[in-house]
Amino acid sequence: MPKSFFRIASWTYASLVGTLLLAPSAEAAIFYATGQRLTQAVPGVHDDIRENFLFAVDSTTGIATPVSPETSGLPSALAGTADQQLLGYQFSGQLMEIGLNSATQTPIAEPTDLGATSFDILEDGRGFIVPFDESFNTQQLHQIDVTTGAATPLGSSQAVGDAIDDARSTQLGTANPFVISLGSVDNSLYGIDLDTDSLIQFDSETGDAAVVGEVGAVTAGDRAAFSGFAALTGVDTDTDGRFDTLFGNVNFIDDDNDPATPVQRLGGIARYDLSDGSWELVGTNPGVIFFGFGASPAAVPEPGVLLGLLSVGFLGRWMRR
């Protein structure tokens, strides 16, 4: 065969490997968010305009870009699957598949009777929620089958409250936890308790809960204008097929705390330190607030497929000699 054929074959191989190995890195830094963009009223022209979108968020800059038409009714509890699907858990207990470009919602599985604003899926496909109990607290991790909707409680029905009370040395039963979100890193699940502004870690096998760092570590502290820690997701930043970094939202509601000036929205993206439960701001989005975050791990090629591609490459190089 002519040498030109092997040059073309080699180029095709390189392009194919590049597609498989480089494309996921571009996707791995992206996660999805449900949120609302506010356009402030202009006197005599229009009132406040509130538009809901599905956003794609760049985890390196924190910049969120609408990727859907203006929509409504999107769930705040999001999670991504290993095959790059985005799922949502409606507060009614219905699982939905969300179109990444259209934001259309397609019901999947049977609905549960569990209300929850927290939802996540591990890399191995296991889904989890922390539903509200009869006292409107969120205490117990539940595993949920995302194909059938069946939910199974794990661990103690007082797990979160006991973890908070143990950490702050208060009497058991004092805490009234409200775990509003779930995200995962290295098969550990994390949620934000809004009652105490604390990061809670869950064991995905046992349902055991613990406070990360100190109670109240998630608080804005002297950054009091930040509020609304409603969303969490793990992100696969190194494209190895596993979530390695926890991101959350920090909705900025005013820039100067001056009641004489208009309240402003500034949707913040935060990166969490899993050693102490604190966060640092990655970026902000003027006029936006976020409700939920979800991500999929990078689509890493199967070892056999990658070995085959490498073999083709070696063969191509040998035949060019």
Protein backbone atom coordinates (compact mmCIF):
# COMPACT_ATOMS: atom_id res chain seq x y z
CA MET A 1 0.00 0.00 0.00
CA PRO A 2 1.17 3.56 -0.57
CA LYS A 3 2.80 5.38 2.32
CA SER A 4 0.08 8.02 2.12
CA PHE A 5 -2.45 5.40 3.27
CA PHE A 6 -0.50 4.76 6.45
CA ARG A 7 -0.09 8.47 7.12
CA ILE A 8 -3.87 8.82 6.84
CA ALA A 9 -4.39 5.76 9.05
CA SER A 10 -2.00 7.15 11.64
CA TRP A 11 -3.75 10.53 11.59
CA THR A 12 -7.14 8.83 11.96
CA TYR A 13 -5.86 6.82 14.92
CA ALA A 14 -4.45 9.90 16.59
CA SER A 15 -7.69 11.77 16.04
CA LEU A 16 -9.72 8.91 17.45
CA VAL A 17 -7.57 8.59 20.56
CA GLY A 18 -7.68 12.35 20.96
CA THR A 19 -11.45 12.28 20.78
CA LEU A 20 -11.69 9.58 23.43
CA LEU A 21 -9.06 10.94 25.79
CA LEU A 22 -9.30 14.69 25.34
CA ALA A 23 -13.01 15.28 24.83
CA PRO A 24 -13.97 13.98 28.28
CA SER A 25 -11.60 16.47 29.89
CA ALA A 26 -13.61 19.31 28.35
CA GLU A 27 -16.85 17.79 29.64
CA ALA A 28 -15.53 16.75 33.04
CA ALA A 29 -15.13 20.35 34.21
CA ILE A 30 -18.77 21.08 33.38
CA PHE A 31 -21.75 20.45 35.64
CA TYR A 32 -25.40 21.36 35.30
CA ALA A 33 -27.59 23.63 37.37
CA THR A 34 -31.21 24.65 37.62
CA GLY A 35 -31.61 28.33 38.33
CA GLN A 36 -33.35 31.59 37.67
CA ARG A 37 -32.14 34.74 35.96
CA LEU A 38 -33.61 38.04 37.08
CA THR A 39 -33.78 41.14 34.90
CA GLN A 40 -34.51 44.09 37.17
CA ALA A 41 -37.59 46.17 36.43
CA VAL A 42 -37.23 49.29 34.33
CA PRO A 43 -39.83 51.90 35.42
CA GLY A 44 -42.31 52.55 32.65
CA VAL A 45 -40.86 49.77 30.50
CA HIS A 46 -41.27 46.40 32.25
CA ASP A 47 -41.58 44.75 35.64
CA ASP A 48 -39.03 42.30 37.00
CA ILE A 49 -38.46 39.48 34.51
CA ARG A 50 -37.72 36.06 36.02
CA GLU A 51 -36.59 33.33 33.63
CA ASN A 52 -35.73 29.76 34.59
CA PHE A 53 -33.12 27.78 32.67
CA LEU A 54 -30.96 24.71 32.75
CA PHE A 55 -27.40 26.04 33.00
CA ALA A 56 -24.01 24.52 32.22
CA VAL A 57 -21.40 25.64 34.75
CA ASP A 58 -17.66 25.77 34.11
CA SER A 59 -16.15 24.51 37.36
CA THR A 60 -12.85 26.31 36.74
CA THR A 61 -14.40 29.77 36.38
CA GLY A 62 -17.82 29.40 37.99
CA ILE A 63 -19.47 30.92 34.92
CA ALA A 64 -22.95 29.54 34.17
CA THR A 65 -24.40 29.56 30.65
CA PRO A 66 -28.06 28.78 29.82
CA VAL A 67 -28.23 25.65 27.64
CA SER A 68 -32.00 25.34 27.38
CA PRO A 69 -34.91 27.51 26.33
CA GLU A 70 -36.64 29.43 29.11
CA THR A 71 -38.61 26.86 31.10
CA SER A 72 -40.37 26.16 34.37
CA GLY A 73 -40.88 23.35 36.85
CA LEU A 74 -37.33 22.02 36.85
CA PRO A 75 -36.43 20.05 39.99
CA SER A 76 -33.88 21.46 42.40
CA ALA A 77 -32.51 18.00 43.20
CA LEU A 78 -30.20 16.88 40.36
CA ALA A 79 -27.74 14.06 39.73
CA GLY A 80 -25.82 12.68 36.76
CA THR A 81 -25.36 9.05 35.72
CA ALA A 82 -22.24 7.32 34.44
CA ASP A 83 -23.77 7.23 30.93
CA GLN A 84 -24.08 11.03 30.91
CA GLN A 85 -27.78 11.34 31.70
CA LEU A 86 -29.07 14.13 33.93
CA LEU A 87 -31.78 13.06 36.35
CA GLY A 88 -33.92 15.13 38.67
CA TYR A 89 -35.93 14.24 41.76
CA GLN A 90 -39.15 16.20 42.05
CA PHE A 91 -40.30 17.02 45.58
CA SER A 92 -43.36 14.88 44.85
CA GLY A 93 -41.08 11.83 44.67
CA GLN A 94 -41.02 11.44 40.89
CA LEU A 95 -37.70 10.78 39.16
CA MET A 96 -37.26 12.60 35.86
CA GLU A 97 -34.75 12.45 33.02
CA ILE A 98 -33.88 15.99 31.92
CA GLY A 99 -32.90 16.79 28.33
CA LEU A 100 -29.52 18.50 28.36
CA ASN A 101 -30.40 20.91 25.55
CA SER A 102 -34.16 21.17 25.83
CA ALA A 103 -34.69 20.81 29.61
CA THR A 104 -37.66 18.58 28.80
CA GLN A 105 -38.60 16.22 31.60
CA THR A 106 -39.44 12.56 31.08
CA PRO A 107 -40.74 10.54 34.05
CA ILE A 108 -38.74 7.41 34.86
CA ALA A 109 -39.32 4.72 37.48
CA GLU A 110 -42.27 4.63 39.84
CA PRO A 111 -42.81 7.65 42.09
CA THR A 112 -42.00 7.32 45.77
CA ASP A 113 -44.01 8.83 48.61
CA LEU A 114 -40.89 10.57 49.92
CA GLY A 115 -40.44 14.33 49.63
CA ALA A 116 -36.80 15.40 49.28
CA THR A 117 -34.71 18.26 47.93
CA SER A 118 -31.50 16.21 48.13
CA PHE A 119 -30.50 13.64 45.48
CA ASP A 120 -27.29 12.14 44.18
CA ILE A 121 -26.04 9.15 42.17
CA LEU A 122 -22.68 7.51 42.81
CA GLU A 123 -20.40 6.35 39.99
CA ASP A 124 -21.62 2.78 40.54
CA GLY A 125 -25.22 3.80 39.78
CA ARG A 126 -26.63 3.80 43.31
CA GLY A 127 -29.01 6.68 43.94
CA PHE A 128 -29.59 8.40 47.29
CA ILE A 129 -31.97 10.91 48.87
CA VAL A 130 -32.45 12.32 52.38
CA PRO A 131 -36.24 12.69 52.64
CA PHE A 132 -38.28 14.74 55.09
CA ASP A 133 -39.82 12.91 58.04
CA GLU A 134 -43.14 13.64 59.73
CA SER A 135 -41.53 16.50 61.67
CA PHE A 136 -40.24 18.02 58.43
CA ASN A 137 -36.67 17.19 59.39
CA THR A 138 -34.20 15.31 57.22
CA GLN A 139 -32.48 12.68 59.29
CA GLN A 140 -31.95 9.44 57.40
CA LEU A 141 -30.16 8.52 54.20
CA HIS A 142 -32.20 6.41 51.77
CA GLN A 143 -30.88 4.45 48.81
CA ILE A 144 -33.12 4.76 45.77
CA ASP A 145 -33.16 2.51 42.71
CA VAL A 146 -33.25 4.92 39.77
CA THR A 147 -34.78 2.26 37.49
CA THR A 148 -37.67 1.23 39.76
CA GLY A 149 -38.01 4.07 42.28
CA ALA A 150 -37.77 1.69 45.23
CA ALA A 151 -36.29 3.43 48.29
CA THR A 152 -34.53 1.71 51.21
CA PRO A 153 -33.67 3.51 54.48
CA LEU A 154 -30.09 3.17 55.72
CA GLY A 155 -28.82 3.56 59.27
CA SER A 156 -30.54 5.41 62.09
CA SER A 157 -33.69 7.50 61.69
CA GLN A 158 -31.93 10.15 63.87
CA ALA A 159 -28.53 9.95 62.17
CA VAL A 160 -28.11 13.59 61.13
CA GLY A 161 -29.49 15.16 64.29
CA ASP A 162 -27.40 12.91 66.53
CA ALA A 163 -24.27 13.74 64.51
CA ILE A 164 -24.89 17.47 64.96
CA ASP A 165 -25.68 17.15 68.67
CA ASP A 166 -22.59 15.01 69.24
CA ALA A 167 -20.40 17.55 67.42
CA ARG A 168 -21.64 20.53 69.42
CA SER A 169 -22.13 18.66 72.70
CA THR A 170 -25.86 19.27 73.00
CA GLN A 171 -28.50 16.85 74.22
CA LEU A 172 -29.51 14.26 71.65
CA GLY A 173 -32.75 15.28 69.99
CA THR A 174 -31.98 19.01 70.09
CA ALA A 175 -31.06 19.41 66.42
CA ASN A 176 -33.72 19.98 63.76
CA PRO A 177 -31.73 19.19 60.62
CA PHE A 178 -32.71 20.24 57.12
CA VAL A 179 -30.36 18.58 54.64
CA ILE A 180 -31.19 20.43 51.45
CA SER A 181 -28.67 18.89 49.02
CA LEU A 182 -26.45 15.90 48.25
CA GLY A 183 -23.18 15.51 46.36
CA SER A 184 -20.52 12.81 46.40
CA VAL A 185 -16.75 12.46 46.32
CA ASP A 186 -14.95 9.09 46.49
CA ASN A 187 -18.21 7.27 47.28
CA SER A 188 -18.89 9.43 50.34
CA LEU A 189 -22.04 11.52 50.23
CA TYR A 190 -22.20 15.10 51.50
CA GLY A 191 -25.13 17.35 52.32
CA ILE A 192 -25.61 20.87 53.65
CA ASP A 193 -27.70 21.20 56.82
CA LEU A 194 -29.40 24.59 56.59
CA ASP A 195 -30.41 24.60 60.25
CA THR A 196 -26.79 24.84 61.42
CA ASP A 197 -24.94 25.72 58.17
CA SER A 198 -22.87 22.54 58.45
CA LEU A 199 -21.45 20.05 55.98
CA ILE A 200 -22.68 16.52 56.73
CA GLN A 201 -20.86 13.40 55.50
CA PHE A 202 -22.78 10.16 54.94
CA ASP A 203 -21.44 6.63 54.65
CA SER A 204 -23.12 5.27 51.51
CA GLU A 205 -23.03 1.71 52.87
CA THR A 206 -24.30 2.19 56.42
CA GLY A 207 -26.07 5.56 56.37
CA ASP A 208 -23.93 6.80 59.27
CA ALA A 209 -23.61 10.60 59.42
CA ALA A 210 -20.91 12.92 60.74
CA VAL A 211 -20.24 16.65 60.74
CA VAL A 212 -17.26 17.70 58.61
CA GLY A 213 -15.12 20.12 60.59
CA GLU A 214 -17.10 22.22 63.06
CA VAL A 215 -20.83 22.83 63.28
CA GLY A 216 -21.47 26.00 61.30
CA ALA A 217 -18.37 25.70 59.09
CA VAL A 218 -20.41 26.40 55.95
CA THR A 219 -21.63 29.76 57.21
CA ALA A 220 -20.76 32.88 55.29
CA GLY A 221 -19.13 34.40 58.39
CA ASP A 222 -18.06 37.95 57.61
CA ARG A 223 -19.32 37.38 54.05
CA ALA A 224 -22.84 37.81 55.42
CA ALA A 225 -24.28 38.84 52.07
CA PHE A 226 -23.94 35.25 50.86
CA SER A 227 -26.79 32.85 51.63
CA GLY A 228 -28.76 29.93 50.29
CA PHE A 229 -26.47 26.88 50.25
CA ALA A 230 -29.05 24.88 48.31
CA ALA A 231 -27.01 22.81 45.86
CA LEU A 232 -24.09 20.36 45.87
CA THR A 233 -22.44 18.10 43.33
CA GLY A 234 -19.24 16.16 42.96
CA VAL A 235 -17.23 16.92 39.81
CA ASP A 236 -14.71 14.71 38.04
CA THR A 237 -12.07 17.38 37.47
CA ASP A 238 -9.23 14.98 36.55
CA THR A 239 -11.33 12.89 34.09
CA ASP A 240 -10.63 9.52 35.68
CA GLY A 241 -14.29 8.53 35.94
CA ARG A 242 -14.63 9.43 39.66
CA PHE A 243 -15.89 12.52 41.42
CA ASP A 244 -12.96 14.19 43.18
CA THR A 245 -14.12 17.73 44.09
CA LEU A 246 -17.27 18.98 45.80
CA PHE A 247 -18.94 22.12 44.45
CA GLY A 248 -21.94 24.01 45.78
CA ASN A 249 -23.90 27.19 45.27
CA VAL A 250 -23.72 30.33 47.38
CA ASN A 251 -26.48 32.71 46.35
CA PHE A 252 -25.39 36.32 46.83
CA ILE A 253 -28.40 38.45 47.72
CA ASP A 254 -26.89 41.92 48.24
CA ASP A 255 -23.54 43.55 47.65
CA ASP A 256 -23.53 46.18 50.39
CA ASN A 257 -26.27 45.31 52.92
CA ASP A 258 -27.61 48.83 52.48
CA PRO A 259 -31.44 48.79 52.62
CA ALA A 260 -31.51 52.02 50.62
CA THR A 261 -30.04 50.31 47.56
CA PRO A 262 -31.66 47.57 45.46
CA VAL A 263 -31.15 43.96 46.47
CA GLN A 264 -29.00 42.21 43.90
CA ARG A 265 -28.63 38.58 42.92
CA LEU A 266 -25.24 37.08 42.29
CA GLY A 267 -25.20 33.30 41.89
CA GLY A 268 -21.97 32.09 43.44
CA ILE A 269 -20.12 28.84 42.72
CA ALA A 270 -18.13 27.48 45.67
CA ARG A 271 -15.51 24.76 46.04
CA TYR A 272 -15.56 22.88 49.36
CA ASP A 273 -12.65 21.81 51.54
CA LEU A 274 -13.59 18.32 52.71
CA SER A 275 -11.13 18.46 55.60
CA ASP A 276 -12.95 21.21 57.49
CA GLY A 277 -16.25 21.92 55.70
CA SER A 278 -15.31 25.42 54.59
CA TRP A 279 -15.71 26.83 51.09
CA GLU A 280 -14.02 29.24 48.73
CA LEU A 281 -15.67 31.20 45.98
CA VAL A 282 -14.82 30.16 42.40
CA GLY A 283 -16.96 32.66 40.50
CA THR A 284 -20.24 34.56 40.45
CA ASN A 285 -23.07 35.13 37.98
CA PRO A 286 -24.85 38.51 38.07
CA GLY A 287 -28.64 38.34 38.23
CA VAL A 288 -28.77 34.56 38.79
CA ILE A 289 -29.68 32.32 41.70
CA PHE A 290 -29.22 28.55 41.64
CA PHE A 291 -31.47 25.79 42.98
CA GLY A 292 -29.74 22.49 42.19
CA PHE A 293 -26.49 21.04 40.80
CA GLY A 294 -25.76 17.72 39.08
CA ALA A 295 -22.85 16.16 37.19
CA SER A 296 -21.73 12.93 35.55
CA PRO A 297 -18.28 11.39 35.91
CA ALA A 298 -16.12 11.55 32.78
CA ALA A 299 -16.76 8.89 30.14
CA VAL A 300 -13.47 6.98 30.39
CA PRO A 301 -12.83 4.41 27.60
CA GLU A 302 -12.94 0.76 28.59
CA PRO A 303 -9.41 -0.70 29.02
CA GLY A 304 -9.99 -3.20 26.22
CA VAL A 305 -11.08 -0.49 23.80
CA LEU A 306 -8.12 1.70 24.68
CA LEU A 307 -5.71 -1.25 24.34
CA GLY A 308 -7.13 -1.99 20.91
CA LEU A 309 -6.65 1.59 19.80
CA LEU A 310 -3.08 1.61 21.06
CA SER A 311 -2.43 -1.63 19.19
CA VAL A 312 -3.72 -0.04 15.98
CA GLY A 313 -1.38 2.88 16.59
CA PHE A 314 1.65 0.66 17.12
CA LEU A 315 0.76 -1.35 14.01
CA GLY A 316 0.41 1.82 11.97
CA ARG A 317 3.79 3.10 13.09
CA TRP A 318 5.42 -0.29 12.39
CA MET A 319 3.96 -0.50 8.87
CA ARG A 320 5.23 2.97 8.01
CA ARG A 321 8.79 1.79 8.48
